[in-house]
Amino acid sequence: MSLGNQEPDAVTEPERKASYKEQSTPESTGQLRLNFKQAMVLAAVPVTATSGNTLLAIGMRQIGRIGVRNWELLFSALINPYVLAGIILLIGFFSSYLLALSWADLTYVIPTTSFGYILIPLVSHFYLKESISDYRWMGVVLIFFGVLVGAQGPIRTGPRLSQEEGK
């Protein structure tokens, strides 16, 4: 077979794979460490989620149990100041989460922002006066060590898609 019919710009499969491997090293795809603004965004994720969920819990305790027969109480929840503040904080959580995903891998963002799973039982126990079993506390300790392990390594390992490539 002749190579004369091959286009001069054509890339062979091994060359394409080698080029992808070069692109997907942390040094070529992005940062290895967080800058201050990125660290603040990552810190905002668990803080706003924990605060928002805590305020939702306080507001819903004030409203009481909602069931099929009194579902219209959901509307009164929307005018409760605690519920409204909780919703605003959860919008802040979602916004900061989206920001983090715009510059870091999902496999970096999720473990790093999982600190909220540690904050929730602490806030629930000490502020909301909820009783937490020993098994749940053991789970919190396991999550803590999982967060420490998951937050190691570069923040971006895969190739960055441009806006054109993402379409």
Protein backbone atom coordinates (compact mmCIF):
# COMPACT_ATOMS: atom_id res chain seq x y z
CA MET A 1 0.00 0.00 0.00
CA SER A 2 1.14 3.44 -0.80
CA LEU A 3 1.09 6.36 1.59
CA GLY A 4 0.48 8.75 -1.26
CA ASN A 5 -3.29 8.91 -0.66
CA GLN A 6 -2.85 10.07 2.91
CA GLU A 7 -3.37 13.78 3.57
CA PRO A 8 -0.25 15.63 4.72
CA ASP A 9 -1.99 16.93 7.86
CA ALA A 10 -3.51 13.56 8.85
CA VAL A 11 -2.55 12.37 12.32
CA THR A 12 -2.13 8.67 12.97
CA GLU A 13 -3.83 7.00 15.94
CA PRO A 14 -0.59 6.54 17.95
CA GLU A 15 0.34 10.20 17.37
CA ARG A 16 -3.12 11.32 18.54
CA LYS A 17 -2.86 9.22 21.71
CA ALA A 18 0.63 10.52 22.43
CA SER A 19 -0.57 14.08 21.90
CA TYR A 20 -3.49 13.51 24.34
CA LYS A 21 -1.15 12.09 26.98
CA GLU A 22 1.05 15.16 26.65
CA GLN A 23 -1.97 17.43 27.01
CA SER A 24 -3.31 15.68 30.07
CA THR A 25 -0.32 16.13 32.35
CA PRO A 26 -0.97 18.51 35.26
CA GLU A 27 1.88 20.75 34.12
CA SER A 28 0.29 21.33 30.71
CA THR A 29 -3.39 21.47 31.69
CA GLY A 30 -3.46 23.81 34.60
CA GLN A 31 -2.47 24.52 38.12
CA LEU A 32 -0.98 22.23 40.65
CA ARG A 33 -1.95 24.47 43.59
CA LEU A 34 -4.83 26.75 44.46
CA ASN A 35 -4.54 30.51 44.43
CA PHE A 36 -6.20 32.53 47.21
CA LYS A 37 -9.44 33.24 45.29
CA GLN A 38 -9.86 29.58 44.38
CA ALA A 39 -9.30 28.54 47.99
CA MET A 40 -12.00 31.03 49.06
CA VAL A 41 -14.45 29.61 46.48
CA LEU A 42 -13.79 26.05 47.69
CA ALA A 43 -14.24 27.17 51.30
CA ALA A 44 -17.53 28.88 50.39
CA VAL A 45 -19.03 25.62 49.10
CA PRO A 46 -19.29 23.74 52.43
CA VAL A 47 -19.86 26.90 54.49
CA THR A 48 -22.80 28.13 52.39
CA ALA A 49 -24.25 24.61 52.11
CA THR A 50 -24.05 24.01 55.86
CA SER A 51 -25.41 27.45 56.74
CA GLY A 52 -28.20 27.23 54.17
CA ASN A 53 -29.30 23.76 55.27
CA THR A 54 -29.17 24.78 58.93
CA LEU A 55 -31.42 27.78 58.27
CA LEU A 56 -33.82 25.60 56.25
CA ALA A 57 -34.02 23.19 59.20
CA ILE A 58 -34.75 26.02 61.65
CA GLY A 59 -37.43 27.48 59.38
CA MET A 60 -39.10 24.15 58.75
CA ARG A 61 -39.17 23.38 62.48
CA GLN A 62 -41.09 26.62 62.95
CA ILE A 63 -43.60 25.66 60.26
CA GLY A 64 -44.11 22.12 61.48
CA ARG A 65 -44.80 18.83 59.81
CA ILE A 66 -46.12 19.02 56.24
CA GLY A 67 -48.06 16.15 54.77
CA VAL A 68 -50.48 15.38 51.98
CA ARG A 69 -53.41 16.91 53.87
CA ASN A 70 -51.67 20.21 54.59
CA TRP A 71 -49.32 20.60 51.61
CA GLU A 72 -50.31 24.25 51.28
CA LEU A 73 -48.00 24.94 54.25
CA LEU A 74 -45.18 24.75 51.72
CA PHE A 75 -46.24 28.20 50.55
CA SER A 76 -45.93 29.59 54.06
CA ALA A 77 -42.41 28.13 54.14
CA LEU A 78 -41.49 30.43 51.29
CA ILE A 79 -42.23 33.51 53.39
CA ASN A 80 -40.41 32.26 56.49
CA PRO A 81 -37.25 34.40 56.92
CA TYR A 82 -35.11 31.41 57.89
CA VAL A 83 -36.21 29.43 54.85
CA LEU A 84 -35.64 32.43 52.57
CA ALA A 85 -32.15 33.02 54.00
CA GLY A 86 -31.42 29.30 53.62
CA ILE A 87 -32.49 29.38 49.98
CA ILE A 88 -30.26 32.41 49.31
CA LEU A 89 -27.29 30.66 50.93
CA LEU A 90 -27.96 27.50 48.92
CA ILE A 91 -27.95 29.61 45.75
CA GLY A 92 -24.54 30.88 46.94
CA PHE A 93 -23.48 27.26 47.47
CA PHE A 94 -24.51 26.27 43.96
CA SER A 95 -22.81 29.31 42.43
CA SER A 96 -19.52 28.65 44.21
CA TYR A 97 -19.75 24.95 43.30
CA LEU A 98 -20.18 25.85 39.62
CA LEU A 99 -17.21 28.24 39.83
CA ALA A 100 -15.03 25.52 41.33
CA LEU A 101 -16.01 23.06 38.61
CA SER A 102 -15.04 25.61 35.95
CA TRP A 103 -11.34 25.40 36.91
CA ALA A 104 -10.91 22.11 38.79
CA ASP A 105 -11.62 18.45 38.20
CA LEU A 106 -14.80 16.96 39.65
CA THR A 107 -12.60 14.39 41.40
CA TYR A 108 -10.85 17.27 43.17
CA VAL A 109 -13.88 19.46 43.92
CA ILE A 110 -16.07 16.77 45.50
CA PRO A 111 -13.61 15.53 48.15
CA THR A 112 -12.38 19.05 48.88
CA THR A 113 -15.86 20.45 49.37
CA SER A 114 -17.02 17.40 51.34
CA PHE A 115 -15.90 19.24 54.45
CA GLY A 116 -19.59 20.16 54.71
CA TYR A 117 -20.30 16.56 55.72
CA ILE A 118 -18.13 17.24 58.76
CA LEU A 119 -19.67 20.65 59.51
CA ILE A 120 -23.31 19.47 59.37
CA PRO A 121 -23.13 17.07 62.35
CA LEU A 122 -21.12 19.59 64.36
CA VAL A 123 -23.64 22.38 63.74
CA SER A 124 -26.54 19.98 64.24
CA HIS A 125 -25.20 18.76 67.58
CA PHE A 126 -23.95 22.01 69.08
CA TYR A 127 -26.36 24.56 67.58
CA LEU A 128 -29.55 22.64 66.76
CA LYS A 129 -29.11 20.38 69.82
CA GLU A 130 -29.66 17.18 67.82
CA SER A 131 -28.55 13.88 69.27
CA ILE A 132 -25.92 12.14 67.12
CA SER A 133 -25.08 8.47 67.63
CA ASP A 134 -21.55 7.15 68.08
CA TYR A 135 -21.80 5.44 64.67
CA ARG A 136 -22.50 8.77 62.99
CA TRP A 137 -19.55 10.36 64.78
CA MET A 138 -17.35 7.50 63.54
CA GLY A 139 -18.65 8.22 60.06
CA VAL A 140 -17.69 11.89 60.45
CA VAL A 141 -14.16 10.86 61.43
CA LEU A 142 -13.91 8.59 58.37
CA ILE A 143 -15.14 11.40 56.12
CA PHE A 144 -12.56 13.74 57.66
CA PHE A 145 -9.72 11.41 56.70
CA GLY A 146 -11.28 10.85 53.27
CA VAL A 147 -11.33 14.62 52.69
CA LEU A 148 -7.65 14.82 53.63
CA VAL A 149 -6.74 12.05 51.16
CA GLY A 150 -9.00 13.32 48.37
CA ALA A 151 -7.67 16.86 48.50
CA GLN A 152 -4.12 15.76 47.64
CA GLY A 153 -2.74 16.19 44.15
CA PRO A 154 -3.25 18.63 41.31
CA ILE A 155 -6.55 20.44 40.86
CA ARG A 156 -6.69 19.79 37.10
CA THR A 157 -5.50 16.59 35.43
CA GLY A 158 -7.55 16.33 32.24
CA PRO A 159 -7.40 18.43 29.11
CA ARG A 160 -9.25 21.74 29.21
CA LEU A 161 -12.06 22.00 26.69
CA SER A 162 -12.43 25.33 25.01
CA GLN A 163 -15.89 26.81 24.53
CA GLU A 164 -15.77 25.72 20.88
CA GLU A 165 -14.86 22.11 21.75
CA GLY A 166 -17.55 21.88 24.42
CA LYS A 167 -20.35 22.49 21.91
